[in-house]
């Protein structure tokens, strides 16, 4: 199925489409390279999903659909990588997508103005399109060294349950580093809700007690690993296991009491 994006750049045989995609577990700018196969038949030749966590790109999404993952360690920023390759390798990439005639059209066309416009709009969209969330910090705050736990019972229009916020200071500002929404219907947790905000949902068939699952993570020493994945390596490195264990013991008592008090 062809995708075009929300904004189309260019009016010739080769055009670009851009949009911001939020998949909950990942997000970022998506760039579509479009080509006119005939007068009334436009194809998506290439697609670049410049995501935070699993960036990748597609050759010929409509027929070949070869997907290749980007290694962030070697490629660096996926949007930078994409814009650089569009400028330097576009005809070759279109050719590999099995559109040789459109590859020649790309070689013959002067697309510099379109590429400049694409870069300007894509970089602006990478900032303006970012989805983050800001929760309350919780009704009860438990200190645990470089982090603290905030606990509350949240009631939404279609869900409810105990929420645990892992908070930490960055400079002079407190930020939410991780969040565990131990809800009754759609339990989920966030890596870096104020930053890249990767949201992952739990399967209640395999995890019928979301609050117990979250508490077991803390008891099992996973807090540091999760902070590292969220990008807060300094907080992870400064964790004191004894302080965390003591705070988690109190956290379990407080959160279970909240759960019981709000049981229906």
C-alpha atoms as a PDB file:
ATOM      1  CA  UNK A   1       0.000   0.000   0.000  1.00  0.00           C
ATOM      2  CA  UNK A   2       1.400   3.372  -1.032  1.00  0.00           C
ATOM      3  CA  UNK A   3       2.007   6.032   1.580  1.00  0.00           C
ATOM      4  CA  UNK A   4       2.686   9.663   0.654  1.00  0.00           C
ATOM      5  CA  UNK A   5       3.019  11.681   3.849  1.00  0.00           C
ATOM      6  CA  UNK A   6       1.170  14.781   4.993  1.00  0.00           C
ATOM      7  CA  UNK A   7       3.275  17.314   3.055  1.00  0.00           C
ATOM      8  CA  UNK A   8       4.451  16.860  -0.552  1.00  0.00           C
ATOM      9  CA  UNK A   9       7.587  18.628  -1.752  1.00  0.00           C
ATOM     10  CA  UNK A  10       8.153  19.044  -5.483  1.00  0.00           C
ATOM     11  CA  UNK A  11       5.992  18.883  -8.594  1.00  0.00           C
ATOM     12  CA  UNK A  12       8.129  16.883 -11.015  1.00  0.00           C
ATOM     13  CA  UNK A  13       8.543  13.190 -11.728  1.00  0.00           C
ATOM     14  CA  UNK A  14      10.390  12.729  -8.412  1.00  0.00           C
ATOM     15  CA  UNK A  15       8.775  14.169  -5.293  1.00  0.00           C
ATOM     16  CA  UNK A  16       9.185  13.861  -1.525  1.00  0.00           C
ATOM     17  CA  UNK A  17       6.539  13.360   1.146  1.00  0.00           C
ATOM     18  CA  UNK A  18       7.114  13.922   4.864  1.00  0.00           C
ATOM     19  CA  UNK A  19       5.159  13.228   8.023  1.00  0.00           C
ATOM     20  CA  UNK A  20       5.750  12.614  11.720  1.00  0.00           C
ATOM     21  CA  UNK A  21       4.860   9.104  12.837  1.00  0.00           C
ATOM     22  CA  UNK A  22       4.121   8.189  16.454  1.00  0.00           C
ATOM     23  CA  UNK A  23       3.829   4.418  16.937  1.00  0.00           C
ATOM     24  CA  UNK A  24       3.842   4.644  20.769  1.00  0.00           C
ATOM     25  CA  UNK A  25       6.828   2.282  20.969  1.00  0.00           C
ATOM     26  CA  UNK A  26       8.772   4.473  18.530  1.00  0.00           C
ATOM     27  CA  UNK A  27       8.497   7.808  16.753  1.00  0.00           C
ATOM     28  CA  UNK A  28      10.222  10.098  14.293  1.00  0.00           C
ATOM     29  CA  UNK A  29      10.157  11.785  10.902  1.00  0.00           C
ATOM     30  CA  UNK A  30       9.131   9.625   7.937  1.00  0.00           C
ATOM     31  CA  UNK A  31      10.366  10.613   4.452  1.00  0.00           C
ATOM     32  CA  UNK A  32       8.746   9.123   1.338  1.00  0.00           C
ATOM     33  CA  UNK A  33      10.423   9.298  -2.079  1.00  0.00           C
ATOM     34  CA  UNK A  34       7.674   9.305  -4.698  1.00  0.00           C
ATOM     35  CA  UNK A  35       7.905   8.804  -8.456  1.00  0.00           C
ATOM     36  CA  UNK A  36       5.485   8.983 -11.383  1.00  0.00           C
ATOM     37  CA  UNK A  37       5.544   5.607 -13.114  1.00  0.00           C
ATOM     38  CA  UNK A  38       3.009   6.967 -15.584  1.00  0.00           C
ATOM     39  CA  UNK A  39       0.844  10.050 -15.900  1.00  0.00           C
ATOM     40  CA  UNK A  40      -1.695   8.810 -13.353  1.00  0.00           C
ATOM     41  CA  UNK A  41       0.306   6.191 -11.443  1.00  0.00           C
ATOM     42  CA  UNK A  42       2.536   7.393  -8.609  1.00  0.00           C
ATOM     43  CA  UNK A  43       4.624   4.878  -6.653  1.00  0.00           C
ATOM     44  CA  UNK A  44       6.395   5.099  -3.325  1.00  0.00           C
ATOM     45  CA  UNK A  45       9.968   4.311  -4.358  1.00  0.00           C
ATOM     46  CA  UNK A  46      11.728   4.579  -1.001  1.00  0.00           C
ATOM     47  CA  UNK A  47      10.685   5.211   2.584  1.00  0.00           C
ATOM     48  CA  UNK A  48      12.936   6.312   5.433  1.00  0.00           C
ATOM     49  CA  UNK A  49      11.578   5.853   8.962  1.00  0.00           C
ATOM     50  CA  UNK A  50      13.924   8.048  11.002  1.00  0.00           C
ATOM     51  CA  UNK A  51      12.800   6.659  14.344  1.00  0.00           C
ATOM     52  CA  UNK A  52      14.315   7.081  17.785  1.00  0.00           C
ATOM     53  CA  UNK A  53      14.798   3.435  18.643  1.00  0.00           C
ATOM     54  CA  UNK A  54      14.585   1.274  15.511  1.00  0.00           C
ATOM     55  CA  UNK A  55      15.346   3.490  12.502  1.00  0.00           C
ATOM     56  CA  UNK A  56      15.097   1.744   9.153  1.00  0.00           C
ATOM     57  CA  UNK A  57      14.400   2.304   5.468  1.00  0.00           C
ATOM     58  CA  UNK A  58      12.564   0.503   2.655  1.00  0.00           C
ATOM     59  CA  UNK A  59      13.490  -0.118  -0.978  1.00  0.00           C
ATOM     60  CA  UNK A  60      10.361  -0.227  -3.163  1.00  0.00           C
ATOM     61  CA  UNK A  61       7.670  -0.480  -0.452  1.00  0.00           C
ATOM     62  CA  UNK A  62       4.968  -1.190  -3.038  1.00  0.00           C
ATOM     63  CA  UNK A  63       6.621  -4.131  -4.770  1.00  0.00           C
ATOM     64  CA  UNK A  64      10.088  -5.109  -3.474  1.00  0.00           C
ATOM     65  CA  UNK A  65       9.679  -3.823   0.089  1.00  0.00           C
ATOM     66  CA  UNK A  66      13.188  -4.668   1.224  1.00  0.00           C
ATOM     67  CA  UNK A  67      13.599  -3.268   4.720  1.00  0.00           C
ATOM     68  CA  UNK A  68      17.025  -2.537   6.161  1.00  0.00           C
ATOM     69  CA  UNK A  69      17.694  -1.505   9.751  1.00  0.00           C
ATOM     70  CA  UNK A  70      20.009   1.393  10.590  1.00  0.00           C
ATOM     71  CA  UNK A  71      22.705   0.839  13.204  1.00  0.00           C
ATOM     72  CA  UNK A  72      22.634   3.994  15.331  1.00  0.00           C
ATOM     73  CA  UNK A  73      26.154   3.251  16.563  1.00  0.00           C
ATOM     74  CA  UNK A  74      27.660   3.447  13.067  1.00  0.00           C
ATOM     75  CA  UNK A  75      25.126   5.652  11.251  1.00  0.00           C
ATOM     76  CA  UNK A  76      24.591   8.217  13.988  1.00  0.00           C
ATOM     77  CA  UNK A  77      21.459  10.344  13.793  1.00  0.00           C
ATOM     78  CA  UNK A  78      19.037   8.638  11.395  1.00  0.00           C
ATOM     79  CA  UNK A  79      17.644  11.881   9.965  1.00  0.00           C
ATOM     80  CA  UNK A  80      21.163  13.160   9.225  1.00  0.00           C
ATOM     81  CA  UNK A  81      21.996   9.829   7.574  1.00  0.00           C
ATOM     82  CA  UNK A  82      18.816   9.884   5.498  1.00  0.00           C
ATOM     83  CA  UNK A  83      19.181  13.453   4.259  1.00  0.00           C
ATOM     84  CA  UNK A  84      22.826  12.816   3.379  1.00  0.00           C
ATOM     85  CA  UNK A  85      22.007   9.712   1.338  1.00  0.00           C
ATOM     86  CA  UNK A  86      19.097  11.384  -0.429  1.00  0.00           C
ATOM     87  CA  UNK A  87      21.504  14.086  -1.563  1.00  0.00           C
ATOM     88  CA  UNK A  88      24.322  11.748  -2.601  1.00  0.00           C
ATOM     89  CA  UNK A  89      22.799   8.344  -3.437  1.00  0.00           C
ATOM     90  CA  UNK A  90      19.190   8.916  -4.496  1.00  0.00           C
ATOM     91  CA  UNK A  91      19.406   7.623  -8.124  1.00  0.00           C
ATOM     92  CA  UNK A  92      21.325   4.522  -7.042  1.00  0.00           C
ATOM     93  CA  UNK A  93      18.817   3.770  -4.297  1.00  0.00           C
ATOM     94  CA  UNK A  94      15.871   4.203  -6.681  1.00  0.00           C
ATOM     95  CA  UNK A  95      17.616   1.847  -9.104  1.00  0.00           C
ATOM     96  CA  UNK A  96      18.019  -0.788  -6.383  1.00  0.00           C
ATOM     97  CA  UNK A  97      14.295  -0.412  -5.636  1.00  0.00           C
ATOM     98  CA  UNK A  98      13.773  -1.675  -9.236  1.00  0.00           C
ATOM     99  CA  UNK A  99      12.724   1.559 -10.845  1.00  0.00           C
ATOM    100  CA  UNK A 100      15.577   2.042 -13.374  1.00  0.00           C
ATOM    101  CA  UNK A 101      13.708   4.578 -15.519  1.00  0.00           C
ATOM    102  CA  UNK A 102      12.913   6.738 -12.511  1.00  0.00           C
ATOM    103  CA  UNK A 103      16.531   6.388 -11.371  1.00  0.00           C
ATOM    104  CA  UNK A 104      17.571   7.975 -14.679  1.00  0.00           C
ATOM    105  CA  UNK A 105      14.981  10.696 -14.193  1.00  0.00           C
ATOM    106  CA  UNK A 106      16.484  11.429 -10.775  1.00  0.00           C
ATOM    107  CA  UNK A 107      19.976  11.641 -12.314  1.00  0.00           C
ATOM    108  CA  UNK A 108      18.810  14.043 -15.010  1.00  0.00           C
ATOM    109  CA  UNK A 109      16.715  16.303 -12.764  1.00  0.00           C
ATOM    110  CA  UNK A 110      18.007  19.173 -10.673  1.00  0.00           C
ATOM    111  CA  UNK A 111      16.441  18.383  -7.308  1.00  0.00           C
ATOM    112  CA  UNK A 112      18.620  20.691  -5.226  1.00  0.00           C
ATOM    113  CA  UNK A 113      15.790  23.119  -4.403  1.00  0.00           C
ATOM    114  CA  UNK A 114      13.467  20.274  -3.399  1.00  0.00           C
ATOM    115  CA  UNK A 115      16.188  18.687  -1.275  1.00  0.00           C
ATOM    116  CA  UNK A 116      16.874  21.978   0.490  1.00  0.00           C
ATOM    117  CA  UNK A 117      13.163  22.374   1.201  1.00  0.00           C
ATOM    118  CA  UNK A 118      12.969  18.743   2.355  1.00  0.00           C
ATOM    119  CA  UNK A 119      15.842  19.196   4.793  1.00  0.00           C
ATOM    120  CA  UNK A 120      14.423  22.412   6.222  1.00  0.00           C
ATOM    121  CA  UNK A 121      10.941  20.986   6.740  1.00  0.00           C
ATOM    122  CA  UNK A 122      12.148  17.614   8.035  1.00  0.00           C
ATOM    123  CA  UNK A 123      14.398  19.173  10.668  1.00  0.00           C
ATOM    124  CA  UNK A 124      11.619  21.493  11.824  1.00  0.00           C
ATOM    125  CA  UNK A 125       9.162  18.572  11.965  1.00  0.00           C
ATOM    126  CA  UNK A 126      11.611  16.508  14.041  1.00  0.00           C
ATOM    127  CA  UNK A 127      11.240  19.154  16.765  1.00  0.00           C
ATOM    128  CA  UNK A 128       7.605  20.218  16.403  1.00  0.00           C
ATOM    129  CA  UNK A 129       6.229  16.712  15.892  1.00  0.00           C
ATOM    130  CA  UNK A 130       7.790  15.065  18.921  1.00  0.00           C
ATOM    131  CA  UNK A 131       5.266  13.448  21.251  1.00  0.00           C
ATOM    132  CA  UNK A 132       6.043  13.592  24.943  1.00  0.00           C
ATOM    133  CA  UNK A 133       3.892  13.270  28.037  1.00  0.00           C
ATOM    134  CA  UNK A 134       3.986  15.040  31.367  1.00  0.00           C
ATOM    135  CA  UNK A 135       2.335  13.255  34.279  1.00  0.00           C
ATOM    136  CA  UNK A 136       1.856  14.437  37.829  1.00  0.00           C
ATOM    137  CA  UNK A 137       4.752  13.452  40.096  1.00  0.00           C
ATOM    138  CA  UNK A 138       2.597  11.418  42.469  1.00  0.00           C
ATOM    139  CA  UNK A 139       0.922  11.896  45.848  1.00  0.00           C
ATOM    140  CA  UNK A 140       3.588  10.054  47.861  1.00  0.00           C
ATOM    141  CA  UNK A 141       7.298  10.639  47.192  1.00  0.00           C
ATOM    142  CA  UNK A 142       9.927   8.118  48.296  1.00  0.00           C
ATOM    143  CA  UNK A 143      13.595   9.081  48.090  1.00  0.00           C
ATOM    144  CA  UNK A 144      16.089   6.537  46.727  1.00  0.00           C
ATOM    145  CA  UNK A 145      19.389   8.371  46.257  1.00  0.00           C
ATOM    146  CA  UNK A 146      19.750   9.819  42.728  1.00  0.00           C
ATOM    147  CA  UNK A 147      16.121   8.929  41.962  1.00  0.00           C
ATOM    148  CA  UNK A 148      12.838   9.054  43.814  1.00  0.00           C
ATOM    149  CA  UNK A 149       9.572   7.196  43.385  1.00  0.00           C
ATOM    150  CA  UNK A 150       6.293   9.077  43.064  1.00  0.00           C
ATOM    151  CA  UNK A 151       3.148   7.030  43.617  1.00  0.00           C
ATOM    152  CA  UNK A 152      -0.491   7.862  42.889  1.00  0.00           C
ATOM    153  CA  UNK A 153      -3.755   6.227  41.912  1.00  0.00           C
ATOM    154  CA  UNK A 154      -4.802   7.504  38.492  1.00  0.00           C
ATOM    155  CA  UNK A 155      -8.380   7.472  37.220  1.00  0.00           C
ATOM    156  CA  UNK A 156      -8.854   8.156  33.518  1.00  0.00           C
ATOM    157  CA  UNK A 157     -11.979   8.137  31.372  1.00  0.00           C
ATOM    158  CA  UNK A 158     -11.433   4.517  30.324  1.00  0.00           C
ATOM    159  CA  UNK A 159      -8.829   3.110  32.714  1.00  0.00           C
ATOM    160  CA  UNK A 160      -7.511   3.317  36.269  1.00  0.00           C
ATOM    161  CA  UNK A 161      -4.755   2.001  38.468  1.00  0.00           C
ATOM    162  CA  UNK A 162      -1.596   2.700  40.452  1.00  0.00           C
ATOM    163  CA  UNK A 163       1.025   4.807  38.660  1.00  0.00           C
ATOM    164  CA  UNK A 164       4.669   4.777  39.695  1.00  0.00           C
ATOM    165  CA  UNK A 165       6.865   7.631  38.500  1.00  0.00           C
ATOM    166  CA  UNK A 166      10.652   7.334  38.644  1.00  0.00           C
ATOM    167  CA  UNK A 167      11.898  10.897  39.069  1.00  0.00           C
ATOM    168  CA  UNK A 168      15.362  12.418  38.982  1.00  0.00           C
ATOM    169  CA  UNK A 169      17.012  15.820  38.927  1.00  0.00           C
ATOM    170  CA  UNK A 170      18.607  17.047  35.722  1.00  0.00           C
ATOM    171  CA  UNK A 171      20.351  20.302  36.511  1.00  0.00           C
ATOM    172  CA  UNK A 172      17.938  22.288  38.641  1.00  0.00           C
ATOM    173  CA  UNK A 173      14.820  20.604  37.268  1.00  0.00           C
ATOM    174  CA  UNK A 174      13.110  17.417  38.331  1.00  0.00           C
ATOM    175  CA  UNK A 175      12.181  15.194  35.401  1.00  0.00           C
ATOM    176  CA  UNK A 176      10.208  12.013  34.974  1.00  0.00           C
ATOM    177  CA  UNK A 177      12.658   9.328  33.848  1.00  0.00           C
ATOM    178  CA  UNK A 178      10.390   6.269  33.774  1.00  0.00           C
ATOM    179  CA  UNK A 179       6.689   5.726  34.404  1.00  0.00           C
ATOM    180  CA  UNK A 180       4.728   2.546  35.134  1.00  0.00           C
ATOM    181  CA  UNK A 181       0.966   2.867  34.594  1.00  0.00           C
ATOM    182  CA  UNK A 182      -0.257  -0.308  36.287  1.00  0.00           C
ATOM    183  CA  UNK A 183      -3.753   0.024  34.873  1.00  0.00           C
ATOM    184  CA  UNK A 184      -6.628  -2.414  34.935  1.00  0.00           C
ATOM    185  CA  UNK A 185      -7.371  -2.411  31.184  1.00  0.00           C
ATOM    186  CA  UNK A 186      -4.250  -1.343  29.273  1.00  0.00           C
ATOM    187  CA  UNK A 187      -1.214  -1.385  31.580  1.00  0.00           C
ATOM    188  CA  UNK A 188       1.921   0.098  30.072  1.00  0.00           C
ATOM    189  CA  UNK A 189       5.185   1.800  30.920  1.00  0.00           C
ATOM    190  CA  UNK A 190       7.228   4.666  29.499  1.00  0.00           C
ATOM    191  CA  UNK A 191      10.935   5.074  28.861  1.00  0.00           C
ATOM    192  CA  UNK A 192      11.759   8.787  29.086  1.00  0.00           C
ATOM    193  CA  UNK A 193       8.226  10.229  28.928  1.00  0.00           C
ATOM    194  CA  UNK A 194       9.615  13.780  28.884  1.00  0.00           C
ATOM    195  CA  UNK A 195      12.173  12.957  26.175  1.00  0.00           C
ATOM    196  CA  UNK A 196      11.811  10.203  23.554  1.00  0.00           C
ATOM    197  CA  UNK A 197       8.796   8.655  25.269  1.00  0.00           C
ATOM    198  CA  UNK A 198       8.832   5.027  24.220  1.00  0.00           C
ATOM    199  CA  UNK A 199       5.593   3.451  25.447  1.00  0.00           C
ATOM    200  CA  UNK A 200       5.258  -0.323  25.781  1.00  0.00           C
ATOM    201  CA  UNK A 201       2.136  -2.259  26.718  1.00  0.00           C
ATOM    202  CA  UNK A 202       1.850  -5.352  28.892  1.00  0.00           C
ATOM    203  CA  UNK A 203      -0.008  -8.521  27.920  1.00  0.00           C
ATOM    204  CA  UNK A 204      -2.447  -9.105  30.777  1.00  0.00           C
ATOM    205  CA  UNK A 205      -2.742 -12.766  29.831  1.00  0.00           C
ATOM    206  CA  UNK A 206       0.908 -13.285  30.715  1.00  0.00           C
ATOM    207  CA  UNK A 207       1.097 -10.423  33.233  1.00  0.00           C
ATOM    208  CA  UNK A 208      -2.181 -10.383  35.193  1.00  0.00           C
ATOM    209  CA  UNK A 209      -0.685  -8.305  38.033  1.00  0.00           C
ATOM    210  CA  UNK A 210       0.973  -5.245  36.427  1.00  0.00           C
ATOM    211  CA  UNK A 211       1.815  -3.661  39.772  1.00  0.00           C
ATOM    212  CA  UNK A 212       3.498  -6.837  40.982  1.00  0.00           C
ATOM    213  CA  UNK A 213       5.400  -7.009  37.686  1.00  0.00           C
ATOM    214  CA  UNK A 214       6.740  -3.466  38.152  1.00  0.00           C
ATOM    215  CA  UNK A 215       7.701  -4.072  41.779  1.00  0.00           C
ATOM    216  CA  UNK A 216       9.490  -7.301  40.807  1.00  0.00           C
ATOM    217  CA  UNK A 217      11.547  -5.366  38.268  1.00  0.00           C
ATOM    218  CA  UNK A 218      12.759  -3.025  40.990  1.00  0.00           C
ATOM    219  CA  UNK A 219      13.440  -5.904  43.391  1.00  0.00           C
ATOM    220  CA  UNK A 220      15.329  -7.773  40.689  1.00  0.00           C
ATOM    221  CA  UNK A 221      17.728  -4.927  39.985  1.00  0.00           C
ATOM    222  CA  UNK A 222      16.302  -3.847  36.616  1.00  0.00           C
ATOM    223  CA  UNK A 223      15.947  -0.165  37.530  1.00  0.00           C
ATOM    224  CA  UNK A 224      19.491   0.711  36.471  1.00  0.00           C
ATOM    225  CA  UNK A 225      19.188  -1.103  33.147  1.00  0.00           C
ATOM    226  CA  UNK A 226      15.905   0.626  32.382  1.00  0.00           C
ATOM    227  CA  UNK A 227      17.329   4.043  33.255  1.00  0.00           C
ATOM    228  CA  UNK A 228      20.229   3.372  30.890  1.00  0.00           C
ATOM    229  CA  UNK A 229      17.857   2.428  28.094  1.00  0.00           C
ATOM    230  CA  UNK A 230      15.901   5.633  28.702  1.00  0.00           C
ATOM    231  CA  UNK A 231      19.159   7.580  28.282  1.00  0.00           C
ATOM    232  CA  UNK A 232      19.791   8.441  31.943  1.00  0.00           C
ATOM    233  CA  UNK A 233      23.136   6.700  32.367  1.00  0.00           C
ATOM    234  CA  UNK A 234      24.347   9.040  35.103  1.00  0.00           C
ATOM    235  CA  UNK A 235      21.361   8.280  37.312  1.00  0.00           C
ATOM    236  CA  UNK A 236      21.827   4.566  36.689  1.00  0.00           C
ATOM    237  CA  UNK A 237      25.506   4.696  37.622  1.00  0.00           C
ATOM    238  CA  UNK A 238      24.801   6.492  40.909  1.00  0.00           C
ATOM    239  CA  UNK A 239      22.154   4.060  42.191  1.00  0.00           C
ATOM    240  CA  UNK A 240      22.820   2.699  45.675  1.00  0.00           C
ATOM    241  CA  UNK A 241      21.344  -0.832  45.872  1.00  0.00           C
ATOM    242  CA  UNK A 242      20.693  -0.546  49.623  1.00  0.00           C
ATOM    243  CA  UNK A 243      18.817   2.751  49.264  1.00  0.00           C
ATOM    244  CA  UNK A 244      16.803   1.438  46.317  1.00  0.00           C
ATOM    245  CA  UNK A 245      15.897  -1.771  48.170  1.00  0.00           C
ATOM    246  CA  UNK A 246      14.710   0.168  51.205  1.00  0.00           C
ATOM    247  CA  UNK A 247      12.636   2.533  49.076  1.00  0.00           C
ATOM    248  CA  UNK A 248      11.124  -0.351  47.089  1.00  0.00           C
ATOM    249  CA  UNK A 249       9.999  -2.042  50.308  1.00  0.00           C
ATOM    250  CA  UNK A 250       8.099   1.112  51.264  1.00  0.00           C
ATOM    251  CA  UNK A 251       6.941   1.565  47.668  1.00  0.00           C
ATOM    252  CA  UNK A 252       5.341  -1.885  47.695  1.00  0.00           C
ATOM    253  CA  UNK A 253       3.496  -1.159  50.926  1.00  0.00           C
ATOM    254  CA  UNK A 254       2.217   2.245  49.763  1.00  0.00           C
ATOM    255  CA  UNK A 255       1.209   1.129  46.275  1.00  0.00           C
ATOM    256  CA  UNK A 256      -0.596  -1.998  47.473  1.00  0.00           C
ATOM    257  CA  UNK A 257      -2.501   0.080  50.022  1.00  0.00           C
ATOM    258  CA  UNK A 258      -3.558   2.479  47.249  1.00  0.00           C
ATOM    259  CA  UNK A 259      -4.658  -0.434  45.094  1.00  0.00           C
ATOM    260  CA  UNK A 260      -6.729  -1.936  47.919  1.00  0.00           C
ATOM    261  CA  UNK A 261      -8.287   1.415  48.888  1.00  0.00           C
ATOM    262  CA  UNK A 262      -9.457   1.970  45.318  1.00  0.00           C
ATOM    263  CA  UNK A 263     -10.640  -1.568  44.596  1.00  0.00           C
ATOM    264  CA  UNK A 264     -14.078  -1.828  42.991  1.00  0.00           C
END
